[in-house]
Amino acid sequence: MENGAAERWGFRGNQVLHKAPSITVRGVLGKVISNLNPQDRRPVITLGQGDPSAFSSFRTAPEAEEAIVDAVRSRKFNSYSPDVGVLTARRAIAEYLSADLPFKLSPDDVYLTIGCAQAIELIIKVLALPGANILLPRPGYALYEAHAAANHLEFRRFDLLPEKGWEVDLEGVKALADENTVAMVIINPGNPCGNVFTHKHLKKVAETARMLGILVIADEVYGHLVFGSKPYVPMGVFGSITPVITLGSISKRWIVPGWRLGWLVTNDPNGILCKSGVVETIASSLNICADPATFIQGAVPQIIEKTTDDFFSRIIGLLRKTADICFDGLADIPCIACPHKPEGAMSVMVNLNVSLLEDIEDDMDFCVKLSKEESVIILPGFTVGMKNWLRITFATEPPSLEDGLGRIKAFCQRHAKKQ
């Protein structure tokens, strides 16, 4: 010890949390973006993240903007929020979701969160009992794995089947589950695959969960954003078969991810979640969590009530157009194969055949070099559990998407193995 200073300090960083960002979309995209060439004067084309809010074509509804202004000017929402959320907002969300369900939700079934990301964090913490495990889809959303790891909750991956339109491998689910399995996660409409589950398939998921004695966590942040032949069916429809916890937000349907307003909703007409203590634990956990901004909560009833069908139809039409552009453009690139045309959400999974390319080791190497050489950002598939696949987001301006696909094609042609 010198000058009274300790030779050994009693603190250090939590390495579990340090490692978590390396397997998140933001963490991996950060590494890809860091390889951009500052000498390239072309605009950077970002096809790696489901946030089209910066593009004029995807501007949110004016009614939503006016609702925020009205909430602020009312001066009714300057105080702290109740732990579970402002009652008027919870009531509006309960009514909004109940329109698609065979039973009516109560405001008491709704818990407001800081975006869907906090809802994911919350439910993982609630279920993270010693020795428990959770079943996650592959490909899926890496934030589930990151929070499971941070909370010492074992996660096991079941496959989504590309040859069956990315349906859940239910036999695989049964094989993975044991007496310590607490839940399975489904994402519908699908991120990252752009798939939409049918009513028939979702019912089979519910029946499988009931047989296994587990609940279903339904990530429906892309709810209603469907543009193929299959209608959107919320998992809560099957809440009488097995308990369903729905996670959602206004981020995607209203194109406002920065407003950070999400929800966790219990679909449980049989009261199983109450009897098991899950509902009580959710409420207790919210006592030690930050809340969504009160004025955003205050604007929710007006946002839901006043937004017109014309806005939703315009967004769906635009996503349908860009999905078509993406699917058709990818068909012209020999080293990339798209097994299923996207029908919903904002992204698509494609297989990368690295054996057709020179100097490309894997999906991460592909994305890093694409960033450096073409100023195009896409997400390597290992981030979502699929090595040598790519997730491409098509929610962008059509001319920009066409430019980006052209650059990807040029990149692949430049790196193609010589015959």
Protein backbone atom coordinates (compact mmCIF):
# COMPACT_ATOMS: atom_id res chain seq x y z
CA MET A 1 0.00 0.00 0.00
CA GLU A 2 1.37 3.42 -1.00
CA ASN A 3 0.05 6.79 0.28
CA GLY A 4 -2.82 4.93 1.90
CA ALA A 5 -4.08 3.50 -1.44
CA ALA A 6 -5.37 -0.09 -1.51
CA GLU A 7 -3.41 -2.61 -3.56
CA ARG A 8 -6.58 -4.54 -4.17
CA TRP A 9 -9.94 -2.95 -4.84
CA GLY A 10 -13.08 -4.78 -3.75
CA PHE A 11 -15.11 -4.20 -6.91
CA ARG A 12 -15.11 -5.31 -10.53
CA GLY A 13 -17.49 -5.38 -13.47
CA ASN A 14 -20.08 -8.11 -13.84
CA GLN A 15 -18.70 -10.21 -16.69
CA VAL A 16 -22.11 -11.76 -17.42
CA LEU A 17 -23.46 -8.32 -18.30
CA HIS A 18 -20.28 -7.46 -20.19
CA LYS A 19 -20.75 -10.46 -22.48
CA ALA A 20 -24.51 -10.01 -23.03
CA PRO A 21 -24.31 -7.22 -25.70
CA SER A 22 -22.14 -9.43 -27.91
CA ILE A 23 -25.20 -11.56 -28.71
CA THR A 24 -27.73 -8.77 -29.21
CA VAL A 25 -28.77 -7.14 -32.47
CA ARG A 26 -27.39 -3.79 -31.32
CA GLY A 27 -24.10 -5.31 -30.19
CA VAL A 28 -23.44 -7.16 -33.43
CA LEU A 29 -24.64 -4.31 -35.66
CA GLY A 30 -22.29 -2.01 -33.78
CA LYS A 31 -19.35 -4.19 -34.83
CA VAL A 32 -20.56 -4.31 -38.43
CA ILE A 33 -21.09 -0.54 -38.58
CA SER A 34 -17.61 0.10 -37.14
CA ASN A 35 -16.19 -1.29 -40.40
CA LEU A 36 -17.79 1.33 -42.64
CA ASN A 37 -15.32 3.03 -44.94
CA PRO A 38 -15.36 6.79 -44.22
CA GLN A 39 -13.93 7.41 -47.70
CA ASP A 40 -17.05 5.98 -49.36
CA ARG A 41 -19.20 9.00 -50.25
CA ARG A 42 -22.28 6.95 -51.05
CA PRO A 43 -25.10 7.03 -48.51
CA VAL A 44 -25.03 4.23 -45.97
CA ILE A 45 -27.94 1.85 -46.52
CA THR A 46 -29.11 0.25 -43.30
CA LEU A 47 -30.95 -3.03 -43.80
CA GLY A 48 -30.09 -4.39 -40.39
CA GLN A 49 -32.65 -3.06 -37.93
CA GLY A 50 -36.45 -2.85 -37.83
CA ASP A 51 -36.67 0.92 -37.36
CA PRO A 52 -37.95 2.74 -40.46
CA SER A 53 -39.00 5.83 -38.48
CA ALA A 54 -36.27 7.99 -40.08
CA PHE A 55 -37.77 7.55 -43.55
CA SER A 56 -40.45 9.99 -44.70
CA SER A 57 -42.57 7.21 -46.23
CA PHE A 58 -42.84 5.60 -42.80
CA ARG A 59 -43.74 8.70 -40.81
CA THR A 60 -46.11 7.93 -37.96
CA ALA A 61 -49.75 8.96 -37.98
CA PRO A 62 -50.36 12.69 -37.41
CA GLU A 63 -53.04 11.67 -34.91
CA ALA A 64 -50.35 9.99 -32.82
CA GLU A 65 -48.16 13.10 -32.89
CA GLU A 66 -51.12 15.27 -31.91
CA ALA A 67 -51.94 12.91 -29.04
CA ILE A 68 -48.45 13.44 -27.58
CA VAL A 69 -48.78 17.21 -27.86
CA ASP A 70 -52.23 17.16 -26.26
CA ALA A 71 -51.01 14.97 -23.40
CA VAL A 72 -48.09 17.31 -22.66
CA ARG A 73 -50.20 20.45 -22.89
CA SER A 74 -52.90 19.01 -20.65
CA ARG A 75 -50.41 19.09 -17.73
CA LYS A 76 -52.17 15.99 -16.38
CA PHE A 77 -49.18 13.72 -16.95
CA ASN A 78 -46.25 15.47 -15.29
CA SER A 79 -46.22 13.29 -12.19
CA TYR A 80 -44.87 9.83 -11.44
CA SER A 81 -46.79 6.94 -12.97
CA PRO A 82 -48.36 4.09 -10.98
CA ASP A 83 -46.04 1.06 -11.00
CA VAL A 84 -48.28 -0.92 -13.35
CA GLY A 85 -49.06 2.06 -15.57
CA VAL A 86 -51.64 4.82 -15.96
CA LEU A 87 -55.15 3.36 -15.71
CA THR A 88 -56.57 5.11 -18.77
CA ALA A 89 -53.73 3.76 -20.91
CA ARG A 90 -54.10 0.24 -19.54
CA ARG A 91 -57.85 0.35 -20.17
CA ALA A 92 -57.32 1.53 -23.76
CA ILE A 93 -54.78 -1.24 -24.46
CA ALA A 94 -57.09 -3.86 -22.88
CA GLU A 95 -59.90 -2.77 -25.19
CA TYR A 96 -57.58 -2.60 -28.21
CA LEU A 97 -56.34 -6.17 -27.68
CA SER A 98 -59.75 -7.56 -26.67
CA ALA A 99 -61.13 -6.73 -30.13
CA ASP A 100 -59.25 -9.79 -31.47
CA LEU A 101 -59.96 -12.14 -28.55
CA PRO A 102 -62.89 -14.42 -27.60
CA PHE A 103 -62.86 -12.94 -24.08
CA LYS A 104 -62.53 -9.45 -22.66
CA LEU A 105 -59.33 -8.29 -21.03
CA SER A 106 -59.39 -6.11 -17.94
CA PRO A 107 -57.03 -3.18 -17.29
CA ASP A 108 -55.71 -5.35 -14.45
CA ASP A 109 -54.39 -7.77 -17.09
CA VAL A 110 -52.21 -5.02 -18.60
CA TYR A 111 -48.80 -3.87 -17.31
CA LEU A 112 -47.06 -1.00 -19.08
CA THR A 113 -43.34 -1.17 -19.83
CA ILE A 114 -40.59 0.89 -21.42
CA GLY A 115 -41.04 -0.62 -24.85
CA CYS A 116 -41.32 -4.32 -25.55
CA ALA A 117 -37.66 -4.72 -24.53
CA GLN A 118 -38.48 -4.06 -20.88
CA ALA A 119 -41.42 -6.46 -21.11
CA ILE A 120 -38.95 -9.15 -22.25
CA GLU A 121 -36.59 -8.31 -19.40
CA LEU A 122 -39.47 -8.37 -16.90
CA ILE A 123 -40.93 -11.75 -17.83
CA ILE A 124 -37.49 -13.39 -17.94
CA LYS A 125 -36.76 -12.11 -14.42
CA VAL A 126 -40.14 -13.30 -13.16
CA LEU A 127 -39.59 -16.83 -14.48
CA ALA A 128 -35.89 -17.18 -13.59
CA LEU A 129 -36.22 -19.63 -10.71
CA PRO A 130 -33.18 -21.71 -9.69
CA GLY A 131 -32.86 -24.70 -12.02
CA ALA A 132 -35.55 -23.51 -14.43
CA ASN A 133 -35.22 -23.44 -18.21
CA ILE A 134 -37.03 -21.69 -21.04
CA LEU A 135 -37.50 -22.70 -24.68
CA LEU A 136 -36.56 -20.09 -27.31
CA PRO A 137 -37.03 -20.17 -31.09
CA ARG A 138 -34.13 -20.55 -33.50
CA PRO A 139 -33.92 -18.24 -35.32
CA GLY A 140 -35.26 -15.79 -32.79
CA TYR A 141 -34.65 -12.49 -31.06
CA ALA A 142 -31.31 -12.41 -29.25
CA LEU A 143 -32.52 -10.20 -26.41
CA TYR A 144 -34.28 -13.20 -24.86
CA GLU A 145 -31.03 -15.12 -24.69
CA ALA A 146 -29.12 -12.13 -23.34
CA HIS A 147 -31.59 -11.59 -20.49
CA ALA A 148 -31.83 -15.30 -19.77
CA ALA A 149 -28.04 -15.48 -19.47
CA ALA A 150 -27.92 -12.38 -17.27
CA ASN A 151 -30.56 -13.91 -14.96
CA HIS A 152 -28.99 -17.41 -14.88
CA LEU A 153 -32.02 -18.89 -16.63
CA GLU A 154 -31.06 -21.82 -18.84
CA PHE A 155 -32.34 -21.47 -22.40
CA ARG A 156 -32.85 -24.24 -24.91
CA ARG A 157 -33.47 -23.60 -28.59
CA PHE A 158 -36.20 -25.23 -30.66
CA ASP A 159 -36.12 -24.91 -34.42
CA LEU A 160 -38.37 -23.02 -36.76
CA LEU A 161 -38.68 -24.98 -40.00
CA PRO A 162 -37.93 -22.96 -43.16
CA GLU A 163 -39.32 -25.70 -45.41
CA LYS A 164 -42.66 -25.34 -43.59
CA GLY A 165 -42.86 -21.56 -43.67
CA TRP A 166 -40.87 -21.27 -40.42
CA GLU A 167 -43.44 -23.19 -38.35
CA VAL A 168 -42.44 -24.33 -34.87
CA ASP A 169 -40.90 -27.80 -34.69
CA LEU A 170 -43.35 -29.04 -32.07
CA GLU A 171 -41.74 -32.47 -31.81
CA GLY A 172 -38.49 -30.69 -31.08
CA VAL A 173 -40.22 -28.66 -28.36
CA LYS A 174 -41.48 -31.83 -26.71
CA ALA A 175 -38.01 -33.36 -26.83
CA LEU A 176 -36.39 -30.33 -25.20
CA ALA A 177 -38.87 -29.81 -22.38
CA ASP A 178 -38.55 -31.38 -18.95
CA GLU A 179 -40.01 -30.92 -15.46
CA ASN A 180 -38.01 -27.68 -15.05
CA THR A 181 -39.27 -26.01 -18.23
CA VAL A 182 -41.35 -22.94 -17.43
CA ALA A 183 -42.27 -21.41 -20.79
CA MET A 184 -41.74 -21.27 -24.53
CA VAL A 185 -41.44 -18.11 -26.63
CA ILE A 186 -43.04 -17.55 -30.02
CA ILE A 187 -42.73 -14.41 -32.14
CA ASN A 188 -45.66 -13.68 -34.45
CA PRO A 189 -45.55 -12.04 -36.95
CA GLY A 190 -42.05 -13.42 -37.12
CA ASN A 191 -38.84 -11.62 -36.38
CA PRO A 192 -36.44 -12.39 -38.02
CA CYS A 193 -38.21 -14.60 -40.60
CA GLY A 194 -41.16 -12.49 -41.73
CA ASN A 195 -43.48 -15.48 -41.29
CA VAL A 196 -47.07 -15.48 -40.01
CA PHE A 197 -48.44 -18.41 -38.03
CA THR A 198 -51.86 -19.81 -38.91
CA HIS A 199 -54.73 -20.28 -36.45
CA LYS A 200 -54.32 -24.04 -36.80
CA HIS A 201 -50.61 -23.97 -35.99
CA LEU A 202 -51.02 -21.62 -33.02
CA LYS A 203 -53.66 -23.92 -31.58
CA LYS A 204 -51.20 -26.81 -31.83
CA VAL A 205 -48.60 -24.66 -30.03
CA ALA A 206 -51.12 -24.00 -27.23
CA GLU A 207 -52.04 -27.67 -26.97
CA THR A 208 -48.37 -28.66 -26.82
CA ALA A 209 -47.72 -26.10 -24.08
CA ARG A 210 -50.70 -27.37 -22.10
CA MET A 211 -49.46 -30.95 -22.40
CA LEU A 212 -46.05 -29.86 -21.11
CA GLY A 213 -47.52 -27.70 -18.33
CA ILE A 214 -45.81 -24.51 -19.50
CA LEU A 215 -46.99 -21.04 -20.47
CA VAL A 216 -46.53 -19.38 -23.84
CA ILE A 217 -44.82 -16.02 -24.10
CA ALA A 218 -46.17 -14.45 -27.29
CA ASP A 219 -43.99 -11.66 -28.65
CA GLU A 220 -46.43 -9.73 -30.83
CA VAL A 221 -44.54 -6.48 -31.20
CA TYR A 222 -45.21 -6.73 -34.97
CA GLY A 223 -48.89 -7.48 -34.40
CA HIS A 224 -51.18 -6.64 -37.36
CA LEU A 225 -48.23 -5.96 -39.69
CA VAL A 226 -49.19 -8.71 -42.15
CA PHE A 227 -49.43 -8.37 -45.92
CA GLY A 228 -49.60 -11.94 -47.28
CA SER A 229 -52.51 -14.35 -47.48
CA LYS A 230 -52.54 -15.29 -43.78
CA PRO A 231 -54.44 -13.11 -41.28
CA TYR A 232 -52.87 -12.09 -38.00
CA VAL A 233 -54.08 -14.25 -35.11
CA PRO A 234 -53.00 -13.25 -31.58
CA MET A 235 -51.84 -16.10 -29.35
CA GLY A 236 -54.17 -14.84 -26.62
CA VAL A 237 -57.03 -16.45 -28.56
CA PHE A 238 -55.85 -19.71 -27.03
CA GLY A 239 -55.53 -18.44 -23.46
CA SER A 240 -58.21 -20.87 -22.30
CA ILE A 241 -56.03 -23.79 -23.46
CA THR A 242 -52.80 -22.65 -21.81
CA PRO A 243 -51.78 -19.41 -20.08
CA VAL A 244 -50.44 -16.83 -22.54
CA ILE A 245 -48.39 -13.76 -21.73
CA THR A 246 -48.46 -11.29 -24.60
CA LEU A 247 -45.65 -8.79 -25.12
CA GLY A 248 -46.25 -5.84 -27.41
CA SER A 249 -45.84 -2.14 -27.99
CA ILE A 250 -46.78 0.78 -30.20
CA SER A 251 -43.24 0.79 -31.64
CA LYS A 252 -43.77 -1.12 -34.87
CA ARG A 253 -47.39 -0.66 -35.90
CA TRP A 254 -47.20 3.09 -35.28
CA ILE A 255 -43.52 3.36 -36.36
CA VAL A 256 -42.42 5.04 -33.12
CA PRO A 257 -39.81 2.78 -31.45
CA GLY A 258 -38.24 5.78 -29.75
CA TRP A 259 -41.40 6.52 -27.77
CA ARG A 260 -40.70 3.44 -25.64
CA LEU A 261 -44.23 2.38 -24.75
CA GLY A 262 -44.86 -1.35 -24.46
CA TRP A 263 -46.94 -3.81 -22.48
CA LEU A 264 -47.05 -7.19 -20.85
CA VAL A 265 -50.55 -8.69 -20.87
CA THR A 266 -51.87 -11.83 -19.17
CA ASN A 267 -54.34 -13.86 -21.25
CA ASP A 268 -55.51 -16.32 -18.63
CA PRO A 269 -59.29 -16.72 -18.27
CA ASN A 270 -58.72 -19.79 -16.06
CA GLY A 271 -56.69 -17.82 -13.51
CA ILE A 272 -53.68 -20.16 -13.59
CA LEU A 273 -51.13 -17.33 -13.55
CA CYS A 274 -52.72 -15.89 -10.41
CA LYS A 275 -52.72 -19.26 -8.63
CA SER A 276 -49.07 -19.87 -9.51
CA GLY A 277 -47.96 -16.49 -8.18
CA VAL A 278 -46.78 -15.20 -11.57
CA VAL A 279 -49.16 -12.21 -11.55
CA GLU A 280 -48.09 -11.21 -8.05
CA THR A 281 -44.42 -11.47 -9.02
CA ILE A 282 -44.95 -9.31 -12.12
CA ALA A 283 -46.54 -6.58 -10.00
CA SER A 284 -43.80 -6.84 -7.37
CA SER A 285 -41.08 -6.63 -10.02
CA LEU A 286 -42.58 -3.44 -11.43
CA ASN A 287 -42.13 -1.86 -7.99
CA ILE A 288 -38.38 -1.82 -8.60
CA CYS A 289 -38.45 -0.92 -12.32
CA ALA A 290 -38.44 2.39 -14.14
CA ASP A 291 -41.73 3.41 -15.80
CA PRO A 292 -42.56 4.62 -19.31
CA ALA A 293 -42.77 8.41 -19.54
CA THR A 294 -46.10 9.42 -18.03
CA PHE A 295 -47.07 11.74 -20.89
CA ILE A 296 -46.54 8.92 -23.39
CA GLN A 297 -48.87 6.74 -21.33
CA GLY A 298 -51.34 9.60 -21.18
CA ALA A 299 -51.39 9.85 -24.97
CA VAL A 300 -52.13 6.15 -25.54
CA PRO A 301 -55.96 6.31 -25.46
CA GLN A 302 -56.01 9.07 -28.06
CA ILE A 303 -53.36 7.34 -30.19
CA ILE A 304 -55.40 4.15 -30.32
CA GLU A 305 -58.77 5.84 -30.77
CA LYS A 306 -57.86 8.48 -33.32
CA THR A 307 -55.39 6.75 -35.65
CA THR A 308 -57.22 6.07 -38.92
CA ASP A 309 -57.38 2.87 -40.93
CA ASP A 310 -55.87 4.82 -43.84
CA PHE A 311 -52.59 5.11 -41.94
CA PHE A 312 -52.43 1.40 -41.17
CA SER A 313 -53.37 0.51 -44.75
CA ARG A 314 -50.65 2.79 -46.13
CA ILE A 315 -47.97 1.18 -43.95
CA ILE A 316 -49.13 -2.34 -44.86
CA GLY A 317 -49.12 -1.43 -48.55
CA LEU A 318 -45.62 0.00 -48.29
CA LEU A 319 -44.31 -3.08 -46.47
CA ARG A 320 -45.91 -5.34 -49.08
CA LYS A 321 -44.17 -3.36 -51.81
CA THR A 322 -40.75 -3.44 -50.17
CA ALA A 323 -41.11 -7.13 -49.29
CA ASP A 324 -41.74 -7.84 -52.97
CA ILE A 325 -38.74 -5.74 -54.00
CA CYS A 326 -36.57 -7.57 -51.49
CA PHE A 327 -37.72 -11.06 -52.43
CA ASP A 328 -37.38 -10.42 -56.17
CA GLY A 329 -33.99 -8.73 -55.79
CA LEU A 330 -32.56 -11.55 -53.69
CA ALA A 331 -33.62 -14.07 -56.33
CA ASP A 332 -30.98 -12.55 -58.66
CA ILE A 333 -28.10 -13.21 -56.25
CA PRO A 334 -26.77 -16.78 -56.72
CA CYS A 335 -25.09 -17.16 -53.31
CA ILE A 336 -28.23 -16.15 -51.39
CA ALA A 337 -31.37 -18.27 -51.12
CA CYS A 338 -34.66 -17.11 -49.61
CA PRO A 339 -36.69 -20.17 -48.52
CA HIS A 340 -39.90 -18.33 -47.72
CA LYS A 341 -41.28 -15.04 -49.01
CA PRO A 342 -42.01 -12.67 -46.09
CA GLU A 343 -45.66 -12.30 -45.17
CA GLY A 344 -45.38 -9.98 -42.18
CA ALA A 345 -43.15 -7.90 -39.90
CA MET A 346 -40.14 -6.12 -41.45
CA SER A 347 -37.39 -8.64 -42.16
CA VAL A 348 -36.54 -11.88 -43.93
CA MET A 349 -34.05 -14.69 -43.30
CA VAL A 350 -31.90 -15.85 -46.22
CA ASN A 351 -29.32 -18.62 -46.51
CA LEU A 352 -25.76 -17.62 -47.45
CA ASN A 353 -23.80 -20.18 -49.48
CA VAL A 354 -20.22 -19.23 -48.56
CA SER A 355 -18.85 -22.09 -50.70
CA LEU A 356 -19.63 -19.95 -53.75
CA LEU A 357 -17.55 -17.01 -52.48
CA GLU A 358 -13.84 -16.24 -52.29
CA ASP A 359 -12.32 -14.79 -49.12
CA ILE A 360 -15.60 -14.98 -47.16
CA GLU A 361 -15.37 -17.19 -44.09
CA ASP A 362 -18.89 -16.95 -42.68
CA ASP A 363 -21.92 -14.69 -42.23
CA MET A 364 -20.12 -12.23 -39.93
CA ASP A 365 -17.21 -11.92 -42.34
CA PHE A 366 -19.70 -11.35 -45.18
CA CYS A 367 -21.46 -8.54 -43.30
CA VAL A 368 -18.23 -6.86 -42.15
CA LYS A 369 -16.76 -6.81 -45.67
CA LEU A 370 -20.08 -5.73 -47.18
CA SER A 371 -20.11 -2.81 -44.77
CA LYS A 372 -16.54 -1.87 -45.64
CA GLU A 373 -16.84 -2.25 -49.41
CA GLU A 374 -20.45 -1.26 -50.16
CA SER A 375 -21.68 0.76 -47.14
CA VAL A 376 -24.61 -1.61 -46.71
CA ILE A 377 -25.52 -2.87 -43.24
CA ILE A 378 -27.24 -6.22 -42.73
CA LEU A 379 -27.34 -8.55 -39.74
CA PRO A 380 -25.34 -11.79 -39.68
CA GLY A 381 -27.56 -14.76 -38.94
CA PHE A 382 -25.50 -16.11 -36.03
CA THR A 383 -26.97 -13.22 -34.01
CA VAL A 384 -30.37 -14.88 -34.20
CA GLY A 385 -29.07 -18.43 -33.91
CA MET A 386 -28.44 -19.32 -37.58
CA LYS A 387 -24.82 -19.39 -38.73
CA ASN A 388 -24.28 -18.59 -42.41
CA TRP A 389 -27.69 -17.03 -42.72
CA LEU A 390 -28.50 -13.32 -43.01
CA ARG A 391 -31.35 -11.19 -41.70
CA ILE A 392 -32.29 -8.45 -44.13
CA THR A 393 -34.72 -5.73 -43.13
CA PHE A 394 -36.85 -4.42 -45.98
CA ALA A 395 -38.63 -1.61 -44.08
CA THR A 396 -36.96 1.28 -45.86
CA GLU A 397 -37.56 3.62 -48.79
CA PRO A 398 -38.05 1.55 -51.97
CA PRO A 399 -35.30 3.32 -53.99
CA SER A 400 -32.86 2.86 -51.11
CA LEU A 401 -33.76 -0.83 -50.85
CA GLU A 402 -33.22 -1.33 -54.58
CA ASP A 403 -29.85 0.44 -54.33
CA GLY A 404 -28.86 -1.71 -51.35
CA LEU A 405 -29.80 -4.96 -53.10
CA GLY A 406 -27.83 -3.84 -56.14
CA ARG A 407 -24.76 -3.24 -53.99
CA ILE A 408 -25.14 -6.66 -52.33
CA LYS A 409 -25.33 -8.27 -55.78
CA ALA A 410 -22.23 -6.40 -56.94
CA PHE A 411 -20.39 -7.46 -53.78
CA CYS A 412 -21.31 -11.11 -54.32
CA GLN A 413 -20.27 -10.96 -57.98
CA ARG A 414 -16.92 -9.43 -57.01
CA HIS A 415 -16.29 -12.15 -54.43
CA ALA A 416 -17.65 -15.06 -56.49
CA LYS A 417 -15.33 -18.02 -56.94
CA LYS A 418 -13.88 -18.20 -60.41
CA GLN A 419 -15.19 -21.14 -62.42
